[in-house]
Protein backbone atom coordinates (compact mmCIF):
# COMPACT_ATOMS: atom_id res chain seq x y z
CA MET A 1 29.43 10.71 -2.74
CA PHE A 2 25.77 9.69 -0.64
CA MET A 3 22.61 11.12 -0.69
CA SER A 4 20.04 11.28 2.41
CA THR A 5 16.29 12.36 3.13
CA GLY A 6 17.48 12.95 6.87
CA ALA A 7 20.38 15.05 9.15
CA TYR A 8 23.71 13.23 9.02
CA ASN A 9 24.79 13.28 12.77
CA GLN A 10 28.70 13.25 13.20
CA ALA A 11 31.17 15.36 11.99
CA HIS A 12 30.49 17.29 8.95
CA VAL A 13 31.02 20.89 7.17
CA ILE A 14 28.56 22.45 5.33
CA LYS A 15 29.53 23.50 2.06
CA GLY A 16 26.45 25.08 0.62
CA VAL A 17 22.48 24.39 -0.87
CA VAL A 18 22.16 22.67 -4.09
CA ALA A 19 18.33 23.21 -5.62
CA VAL A 20 17.81 21.79 -9.55
CA THR A 21 14.39 22.00 -11.48
CA CYS A 22 13.69 19.01 -14.05
CA SER A 23 10.85 18.91 -15.84
CA THR A 24 10.02 17.57 -19.59
CA MET A 25 6.41 18.01 -22.08
CA LEU A 26 3.98 16.01 -22.65
CA ARG A 27 3.00 15.37 -25.98
CA SER A 28 -1.11 16.16 -26.52
CA GLU A 29 -1.04 12.10 -27.90
CA GLN A 30 -0.83 11.17 -24.38
CA PRO A 31 -1.29 13.57 -21.83
CA ASP A 32 -1.57 10.91 -19.00
CA GLU A 33 2.41 9.50 -19.00
CA PHE A 34 2.70 10.47 -15.89
CA SER A 35 5.11 7.43 -15.44
CA LYS A 36 8.06 10.66 -17.08
CA PHE A 37 7.94 11.43 -13.59
CA ASP A 38 10.56 8.06 -12.41
CA GLY A 39 13.13 9.75 -15.22
CA LEU A 40 12.88 13.10 -14.25
CA PHE A 41 14.21 12.54 -10.59
CA ASP A 42 17.55 10.20 -12.01
CA GLU A 43 18.33 13.12 -13.29
CA ALA A 44 17.42 15.82 -10.61
CA LYS A 45 19.37 13.39 -8.68
CA GLN A 46 22.86 13.48 -11.06
CA LYS A 47 22.35 16.91 -11.63
CA LEU A 48 22.50 17.21 -7.41
CA PHE A 49 25.59 15.72 -7.40
CA GLU A 50 27.32 16.91 -9.84
CA LYS A 51 26.36 20.93 -8.20
CA ALA A 52 27.60 19.19 -4.84
CA GLU A 53 30.59 18.38 -6.38
CA GLU A 54 30.67 22.01 -7.56
CA LYS A 55 31.18 22.64 -4.00
CA GLY A 56 33.54 20.05 -2.58
CA GLY A 57 30.55 17.51 -1.07
CA ASP A 58 30.98 14.70 -0.05
CA GLY A 59 27.20 13.67 -0.19
CA ILE A 60 23.60 15.30 0.37
CA VAL A 61 21.77 15.36 2.93
CA ASP A 62 17.82 16.72 3.93
CA VAL A 63 17.05 15.85 0.51
CA ALA A 64 13.89 17.05 -0.51
CA PHE A 65 11.94 16.91 -4.24
CA ASN A 66 8.86 18.01 -4.85
CA THR A 67 6.38 18.21 -8.13
CA GLU A 68 4.73 19.27 -10.14
CA VAL A 69 2.65 19.43 -13.17
CA VAL A 70 2.33 22.69 -14.92
CA ARG A 71 -0.81 23.52 -17.62
CA MET A 72 -0.11 26.09 -20.24
CA SER A 73 -3.32 27.63 -21.29
CA VAL A 74 -2.33 27.77 -25.37
CA ALA A 75 0.62 24.83 -25.31
CA PRO A 76 1.11 20.91 -24.07
CA LYS A 77 1.30 20.14 -19.79
CA PHE A 78 4.40 20.02 -18.39
CA LEU A 79 5.90 17.31 -15.67
CA VAL A 80 7.87 19.49 -13.30
CA VAL A 81 10.64 18.02 -10.29
CA HIS A 82 12.17 20.24 -8.49
CA GLY A 83 14.90 18.93 -6.16
CA TYR A 84 17.51 20.48 -2.74
CA GLY A 85 19.32 19.64 -0.05
CA THR A 86 22.53 21.20 1.69
CA VAL A 87 26.11 19.88 0.66
CA ILE A 88 28.33 18.84 3.33
CA ALA A 89 32.16 17.61 3.20
CA LEU A 90 33.59 15.08 5.94
CA PRO A 91 36.35 15.38 7.61
CA ARG A 92 39.10 13.56 6.53
């Protein structure tokens, strides 16, 4: 299984699009712990691979990630990573 932020310029079959969202809450005693984004990216990549396998894919291309810091009015803030891409299968 492979992942790429670019296109795949050889014969392939598109199996569909996959998307995931991962999040974590920042504790009030450490409100600027943005290094937690690293773990969220790893979690998002793993979930994308799992979804691609479910679709019978060999890889994911045109992968993109969006990050967000969500602030709630009465609750702590959350770090959120959205990831998506196109699942492809290679000819056998």
